[in-house]
Amino acid sequence: MAISHIGLTLFSLIFFFCLSKPTLSQDPSPTVFEILPKFGLPSGLLPNVVTSYSLSDDGSFTVYLEKECYVKFDYLVYYDKKITGKLTYGSISNLKGIEVQKLFLWLDVDEIKVDLPPSDSIYFQVGWINKKLDVDQFNTVHSCRAGVSSGSCGGKWKQFLELPAPNNDVEMLLTE
């Protein structure tokens, strides 16, 4: 009788600890597209090929894309596979990995801001130029294109500007 009493007590303790053990939340962490609106920014600032991101307590972030790609807004925008910056309410500063095509040139986007309180405008800082755009085009997440079409003159300029520097043998032949 004492053995069955000990067994019942042991079973009760195990059962109690199993019920009282805190369960881990199965809620997935928010996507980057859910994080941006929490900072007052539209979710469509990034293309749909985001694979992961990290966000530090100080607002520093890194976003990884499946591949580099292009999205057409009022301007053609290039996204590198890795995008970094600092996220604060209403702005992204120290931005690296996003470029915009202006005429035949590709220019780095340094900062993105929205008006506070929110308005219908969003501002892209490219060097010393501040370009105001309609925020509505950034409210939905866009699909990205793999590259610039071959008919685009801007794409050819970007390819030309990215050619590697000639090695010394070629330079010597050209200068002789």
C-alpha atoms as a PDB file:
ATOM      1  CA  MET A   1       0.000   0.000   0.000  1.00  0.00           C
ATOM      2  CA  ALA A   2       2.888   2.404   0.778  1.00  0.00           C
ATOM      3  CA  ILE A   3       4.447   1.751  -2.649  1.00  0.00           C
ATOM      4  CA  SER A   4       1.242   2.640  -4.499  1.00  0.00           C
ATOM      5  CA  HIS A   5       0.907   5.784  -2.350  1.00  0.00           C
ATOM      6  CA  ILE A   6       4.480   6.860  -3.303  1.00  0.00           C
ATOM      7  CA  GLY A   7       3.773   6.091  -6.970  1.00  0.00           C
ATOM      8  CA  LEU A   8       0.586   8.158  -6.886  1.00  0.00           C
ATOM      9  CA  THR A   9       2.435  11.055  -5.190  1.00  0.00           C
ATOM     10  CA  LEU A  10       5.272  10.885  -7.731  1.00  0.00           C
ATOM     11  CA  PHE A  11       2.785  10.807 -10.627  1.00  0.00           C
ATOM     12  CA  SER A  12       0.951  13.814  -9.133  1.00  0.00           C
ATOM     13  CA  LEU A  13       4.198  15.806  -8.816  1.00  0.00           C
ATOM     14  CA  ILE A  14       5.232  15.079 -12.404  1.00  0.00           C
ATOM     15  CA  PHE A  15       1.754  15.972 -13.636  1.00  0.00           C
ATOM     16  CA  PHE A  16       1.810  19.233 -11.616  1.00  0.00           C
ATOM     17  CA  PHE A  17       5.219  20.281 -12.992  1.00  0.00           C
ATOM     18  CA  CYS A  18       4.149  19.496 -16.546  1.00  0.00           C
ATOM     19  CA  LEU A  19       1.067  21.695 -16.173  1.00  0.00           C
ATOM     20  CA  SER A  20       2.871  24.535 -14.422  1.00  0.00           C
ATOM     21  CA  LYS A  21       5.786  24.621 -16.904  1.00  0.00           C
ATOM     22  CA  PRO A  22       5.538  27.852 -18.904  1.00  0.00           C
ATOM     23  CA  THR A  23       4.826  27.247 -22.556  1.00  0.00           C
ATOM     24  CA  LEU A  24       6.834  29.030 -25.190  1.00  0.00           C
ATOM     25  CA  SER A  25       4.863  31.397 -27.355  1.00  0.00           C
ATOM     26  CA  GLN A  26       4.383  30.122 -30.863  1.00  0.00           C
ATOM     27  CA  ASP A  27       3.872  33.644 -32.212  1.00  0.00           C
ATOM     28  CA  PRO A  28       6.324  34.231 -35.048  1.00  0.00           C
ATOM     29  CA  SER A  29       8.488  37.319 -34.807  1.00  0.00           C
ATOM     30  CA  PRO A  30       7.154  40.240 -36.852  1.00  0.00           C
ATOM     31  CA  THR A  31       8.285  40.636 -40.443  1.00  0.00           C
ATOM     32  CA  VAL A  32      10.237  43.669 -41.545  1.00  0.00           C
ATOM     33  CA  PHE A  33       7.065  44.746 -43.387  1.00  0.00           C
ATOM     34  CA  GLU A  34       5.253  44.810 -40.017  1.00  0.00           C
ATOM     35  CA  ILE A  35       8.130  46.622 -38.272  1.00  0.00           C
ATOM     36  CA  LEU A  36       8.308  49.587 -40.684  1.00  0.00           C
ATOM     37  CA  PRO A  37       4.771  50.902 -39.909  1.00  0.00           C
ATOM     38  CA  LYS A  38       5.550  50.705 -36.179  1.00  0.00           C
ATOM     39  CA  PHE A  39       8.229  53.304 -36.943  1.00  0.00           C
ATOM     40  CA  GLY A  40       5.830  55.474 -38.969  1.00  0.00           C
ATOM     41  CA  LEU A  41       7.208  54.294 -42.332  1.00  0.00           C
ATOM     42  CA  PRO A  42       5.350  52.600 -45.194  1.00  0.00           C
ATOM     43  CA  SER A  43       5.793  48.830 -45.504  1.00  0.00           C
ATOM     44  CA  GLY A  44       6.584  49.007 -49.232  1.00  0.00           C
ATOM     45  CA  LEU A  45      10.007  50.606 -48.845  1.00  0.00           C
ATOM     46  CA  LEU A  46      11.555  47.161 -49.339  1.00  0.00           C
ATOM     47  CA  PRO A  47      10.853  44.581 -52.064  1.00  0.00           C
ATOM     48  CA  ASN A  48       9.122  41.254 -51.449  1.00  0.00           C
ATOM     49  CA  VAL A  49      12.361  39.205 -51.481  1.00  0.00           C
ATOM     50  CA  VAL A  50      13.478  39.902 -47.893  1.00  0.00           C
ATOM     51  CA  THR A  51      14.838  36.677 -46.366  1.00  0.00           C
ATOM     52  CA  SER A  52      15.793  37.964 -42.900  1.00  0.00           C
ATOM     53  CA  TYR A  53      16.562  41.041 -40.860  1.00  0.00           C
ATOM     54  CA  SER A  54      18.045  42.074 -37.536  1.00  0.00           C
ATOM     55  CA  LEU A  55      17.160  45.160 -35.512  1.00  0.00           C
ATOM     56  CA  SER A  56      19.251  46.317 -32.555  1.00  0.00           C
ATOM     57  CA  ASP A  57      17.955  48.244 -29.561  1.00  0.00           C
ATOM     58  CA  ASP A  58      19.685  51.405 -30.866  1.00  0.00           C
ATOM     59  CA  GLY A  59      17.794  51.126 -34.200  1.00  0.00           C
ATOM     60  CA  SER A  60      20.681  49.776 -36.263  1.00  0.00           C
ATOM     61  CA  PHE A  61      19.411  47.209 -38.720  1.00  0.00           C
ATOM     62  CA  THR A  62      20.498  44.833 -41.439  1.00  0.00           C
ATOM     63  CA  VAL A  63      18.114  43.442 -44.031  1.00  0.00           C
ATOM     64  CA  TYR A  64      19.075  40.540 -46.285  1.00  0.00           C
ATOM     65  CA  LEU A  65      17.410  39.987 -49.635  1.00  0.00           C
ATOM     66  CA  GLU A  66      17.213  36.752 -51.589  1.00  0.00           C
ATOM     67  CA  LYS A  67      18.918  38.553 -54.485  1.00  0.00           C
ATOM     68  CA  GLU A  68      19.698  42.045 -55.649  1.00  0.00           C
ATOM     69  CA  CYS A  69      16.788  43.526 -57.545  1.00  0.00           C
ATOM     70  CA  TYR A  70      15.071  46.546 -59.049  1.00  0.00           C
ATOM     71  CA  VAL A  71      11.660  48.084 -58.347  1.00  0.00           C
ATOM     72  CA  LYS A  72      10.023  50.777 -60.466  1.00  0.00           C
ATOM     73  CA  PHE A  73       8.465  53.633 -58.503  1.00  0.00           C
ATOM     74  CA  ASP A  74       8.525  57.203 -59.865  1.00  0.00           C
ATOM     75  CA  TYR A  75      12.194  56.288 -60.334  1.00  0.00           C
ATOM     76  CA  LEU A  76      13.918  52.953 -60.813  1.00  0.00           C
ATOM     77  CA  VAL A  77      15.324  51.784 -57.459  1.00  0.00           C
ATOM     78  CA  TYR A  78      18.127  49.244 -57.013  1.00  0.00           C
ATOM     79  CA  TYR A  79      18.330  47.090 -53.857  1.00  0.00           C
ATOM     80  CA  ASP A  80      21.561  45.316 -52.938  1.00  0.00           C
ATOM     81  CA  LYS A  81      21.426  41.873 -51.269  1.00  0.00           C
ATOM     82  CA  LYS A  82      22.384  43.526 -47.948  1.00  0.00           C
ATOM     83  CA  ILE A  83      20.835  46.787 -46.742  1.00  0.00           C
ATOM     84  CA  THR A  84      21.913  48.544 -43.549  1.00  0.00           C
ATOM     85  CA  GLY A  85      20.940  51.699 -41.724  1.00  0.00           C
ATOM     86  CA  LYS A  86      19.536  53.172 -38.547  1.00  0.00           C
ATOM     87  CA  LEU A  87      15.788  53.134 -37.953  1.00  0.00           C
ATOM     88  CA  THR A  88      14.139  55.825 -35.820  1.00  0.00           C
ATOM     89  CA  TYR A  89      10.541  56.943 -35.739  1.00  0.00           C
ATOM     90  CA  GLY A  90       9.802  58.561 -39.111  1.00  0.00           C
ATOM     91  CA  SER A  91      13.205  58.024 -40.699  1.00  0.00           C
ATOM     92  CA  ILE A  92      15.962  55.713 -41.840  1.00  0.00           C
ATOM     93  CA  SER A  93      19.448  57.240 -41.722  1.00  0.00           C
ATOM     94  CA  ASN A  94      22.963  55.988 -42.558  1.00  0.00           C
ATOM     95  CA  LEU A  95      21.349  53.963 -45.327  1.00  0.00           C
ATOM     96  CA  LYS A  96      23.537  51.664 -47.442  1.00  0.00           C
ATOM     97  CA  GLY A  97      22.431  49.271 -50.171  1.00  0.00           C
ATOM     98  CA  ILE A  98      19.704  51.277 -51.952  1.00  0.00           C
ATOM     99  CA  GLU A  99      20.312  53.339 -55.094  1.00  0.00           C
ATOM    100  CA  VAL A 100      18.051  55.371 -57.355  1.00  0.00           C
ATOM    101  CA  GLN A 101      18.478  56.010 -61.072  1.00  0.00           C
ATOM    102  CA  LYS A 102      18.491  59.672 -62.079  1.00  0.00           C
ATOM    103  CA  LEU A 103      19.011  60.223 -65.813  1.00  0.00           C
ATOM    104  CA  PHE A 104      22.032  58.019 -66.611  1.00  0.00           C
ATOM    105  CA  LEU A 105      23.467  57.863 -63.101  1.00  0.00           C
ATOM    106  CA  TRP A 106      22.893  55.607 -60.104  1.00  0.00           C
ATOM    107  CA  LEU A 107      22.931  57.561 -56.843  1.00  0.00           C
ATOM    108  CA  ASP A 108      23.039  56.241 -53.273  1.00  0.00           C
ATOM    109  CA  VAL A 109      19.973  56.907 -51.143  1.00  0.00           C
ATOM    110  CA  ASP A 110      21.392  58.176 -47.836  1.00  0.00           C
ATOM    111  CA  GLU A 111      18.219  58.781 -45.844  1.00  0.00           C
ATOM    112  CA  ILE A 112      14.445  58.290 -46.021  1.00  0.00           C
ATOM    113  CA  LYS A 113      12.028  60.448 -43.980  1.00  0.00           C
ATOM    114  CA  VAL A 114       8.313  61.000 -43.629  1.00  0.00           C
ATOM    115  CA  ASP A 115       6.539  64.054 -42.263  1.00  0.00           C
ATOM    116  CA  LEU A 116       5.496  63.890 -38.615  1.00  0.00           C
ATOM    117  CA  PRO A 117       2.561  63.932 -38.198  1.00  0.00           C
ATOM    118  CA  PRO A 118       2.198  61.773 -41.309  1.00  0.00           C
ATOM    119  CA  SER A 119       1.282  63.442 -44.584  1.00  0.00           C
ATOM    120  CA  ASP A 120       1.088  62.259 -48.170  1.00  0.00           C
ATOM    121  CA  SER A 121       4.810  62.740 -48.767  1.00  0.00           C
ATOM    122  CA  ILE A 122       8.021  60.831 -48.239  1.00  0.00           C
ATOM    123  CA  TYR A 123      11.507  62.291 -48.705  1.00  0.00           C
ATOM    124  CA  PHE A 124      14.589  60.602 -50.128  1.00  0.00           C
ATOM    125  CA  GLN A 125      17.953  62.191 -49.383  1.00  0.00           C
ATOM    126  CA  VAL A 126      20.416  61.525 -52.222  1.00  0.00           C
ATOM    127  CA  GLY A 127      23.643  63.362 -51.462  1.00  0.00           C
ATOM    128  CA  TRP A 128      22.627  66.976 -50.928  1.00  0.00           C
ATOM    129  CA  ILE A 129      19.424  66.544 -52.963  1.00  0.00           C
ATOM    130  CA  ASN A 130      16.151  65.980 -51.073  1.00  0.00           C
ATOM    131  CA  LYS A 131      13.440  64.487 -53.320  1.00  0.00           C
ATOM    132  CA  LYS A 132       9.777  64.614 -52.238  1.00  0.00           C
ATOM    133  CA  LEU A 133       7.584  61.725 -53.511  1.00  0.00           C
ATOM    134  CA  ASP A 134       3.997  60.605 -53.031  1.00  0.00           C
ATOM    135  CA  VAL A 135       3.958  58.098 -50.138  1.00  0.00           C
ATOM    136  CA  ASP A 136       1.073  56.099 -51.660  1.00  0.00           C
ATOM    137  CA  GLN A 137       3.423  54.268 -54.034  1.00  0.00           C
ATOM    138  CA  PHE A 138       5.240  52.805 -51.009  1.00  0.00           C
ATOM    139  CA  ASN A 139       2.183  51.548 -49.114  1.00  0.00           C
ATOM    140  CA  THR A 140       2.239  48.090 -50.730  1.00  0.00           C
ATOM    141  CA  VAL A 141       5.143  45.666 -50.965  1.00  0.00           C
ATOM    142  CA  HIS A 142       6.347  45.398 -54.561  1.00  0.00           C
ATOM    143  CA  SER A 143       7.763  42.453 -56.477  1.00  0.00           C
ATOM    144  CA  CYS A 144      11.270  42.949 -57.652  1.00  0.00           C
ATOM    145  CA  ARG A 145      12.728  42.560 -61.093  1.00  0.00           C
ATOM    146  CA  ALA A 146      15.933  40.589 -61.554  1.00  0.00           C
ATOM    147  CA  GLY A 147      17.709  43.347 -63.455  1.00  0.00           C
ATOM    148  CA  VAL A 148      17.539  46.381 -65.656  1.00  0.00           C
ATOM    149  CA  SER A 149      16.172  45.602 -69.097  1.00  0.00           C
ATOM    150  CA  SER A 150      18.720  45.551 -71.871  1.00  0.00           C
ATOM    151  CA  GLY A 151      16.914  48.448 -73.567  1.00  0.00           C
ATOM    152  CA  SER A 152      17.574  50.699 -70.613  1.00  0.00           C
ATOM    153  CA  CYS A 153      20.388  53.134 -71.188  1.00  0.00           C
ATOM    154  CA  GLY A 154      20.793  53.527 -67.434  1.00  0.00           C
ATOM    155  CA  GLY A 155      21.542  49.829 -67.047  1.00  0.00           C
ATOM    156  CA  LYS A 156      24.299  50.061 -69.648  1.00  0.00           C
ATOM    157  CA  TRP A 157      25.791  53.070 -67.845  1.00  0.00           C
ATOM    158  CA  LYS A 158      25.745  51.187 -64.548  1.00  0.00           C
ATOM    159  CA  GLN A 159      27.482  48.201 -66.173  1.00  0.00           C
ATOM    160  CA  PHE A 160      30.055  50.540 -67.741  1.00  0.00           C
ATOM    161  CA  LEU A 161      30.730  52.313 -64.450  1.00  0.00           C
ATOM    162  CA  GLU A 162      31.180  48.963 -62.668  1.00  0.00           C
ATOM    163  CA  LEU A 163      33.817  47.613 -65.064  1.00  0.00           C
ATOM    164  CA  PRO A 164      36.948  46.573 -63.169  1.00  0.00           C
ATOM    165  CA  ALA A 165      40.015  48.738 -63.508  1.00  0.00           C
ATOM    166  CA  PRO A 166      42.441  47.460 -66.156  1.00  0.00           C
ATOM    167  CA  ASN A 167      45.463  45.561 -64.904  1.00  0.00           C
ATOM    168  CA  ASN A 168      48.962  47.015 -65.294  1.00  0.00           C
ATOM    169  CA  ASP A 169      49.765  44.988 -68.456  1.00  0.00           C
ATOM    170  CA  VAL A 170      46.807  46.471 -70.313  1.00  0.00           C
ATOM    171  CA  GLU A 171      47.627  49.975 -69.045  1.00  0.00           C
ATOM    172  CA  MET A 172      51.224  49.630 -70.263  1.00  0.00           C
ATOM    173  CA  LEU A 173      50.052  48.555 -73.723  1.00  0.00           C
ATOM    174  CA  LEU A 174      47.665  51.471 -73.927  1.00  0.00           C
ATOM    175  CA  THR A 175      50.255  54.068 -72.890  1.00  0.00           C
ATOM    176  CA  GLU A 176      53.010  52.854 -75.205  1.00  0.00           C
END
